Amino acid sequence: MDGESPSAPSGATSSTSPARDQFVHTLHAFARGMLEARTVDDLLWDVAARTIAQLGYEDCVIYLVDPERSCLVQRAAHGRKSPREQVIVNRIELPFGEGIVGAVAQSGRGEIVPDVRKDPRYVVDDEARASEMAVPIVHKGTVLGVLKCVNRTDYSGKGQLLPFSLA
């Protein structure tokens, strides 16, 4: 059984790749943060910080849906948008469908825009960036918010777009 795991299906190996090990480490870090959060706001701020720390983005902002006003409101951030702990500079709100974030909230599908200068939907927040990734936060088929990451360079090499779903 050299190279095989006793609990793995027949023919499966227990070897892992550095990329898989990093992915598992990253998931573990996010899960640990979720378990330690005492409030929704603590959770949002932790996810924003870990997104930058674990995934290497420059700035991360989490928008949540305000159902009464039918818009997206910035609730947590990490990077230049948040120079101090749990402080967001110049909070913005976006209607559904406005900007890349609003389009993702409306469609429920994540997007990576490698060059936002070529996308007419792009909304400048605190400063213009080169690229943007927006992922819907979904619970039971309903979009609750959007996690947005930006860089001054494109996203090539940053990995794949992963859905963020709350069971």
Foldseek 3Di string as FASTA:
>chain_A
DVQCDPPDPPPDGPDDDPVVVLVVVLVVQLVVQVVPDPDPLSNQQSVQVSCCVSQPFAKKWKWFADVVVQKTWTRYMDHPQDPDPRDGPQIDIGHQPAAQFNPCQNVVAKDKAFACVPPPRHDAGPHDAGIKIKAFEEEPRHGGIIMMTTHNGGCPPSDDDDHHYDD
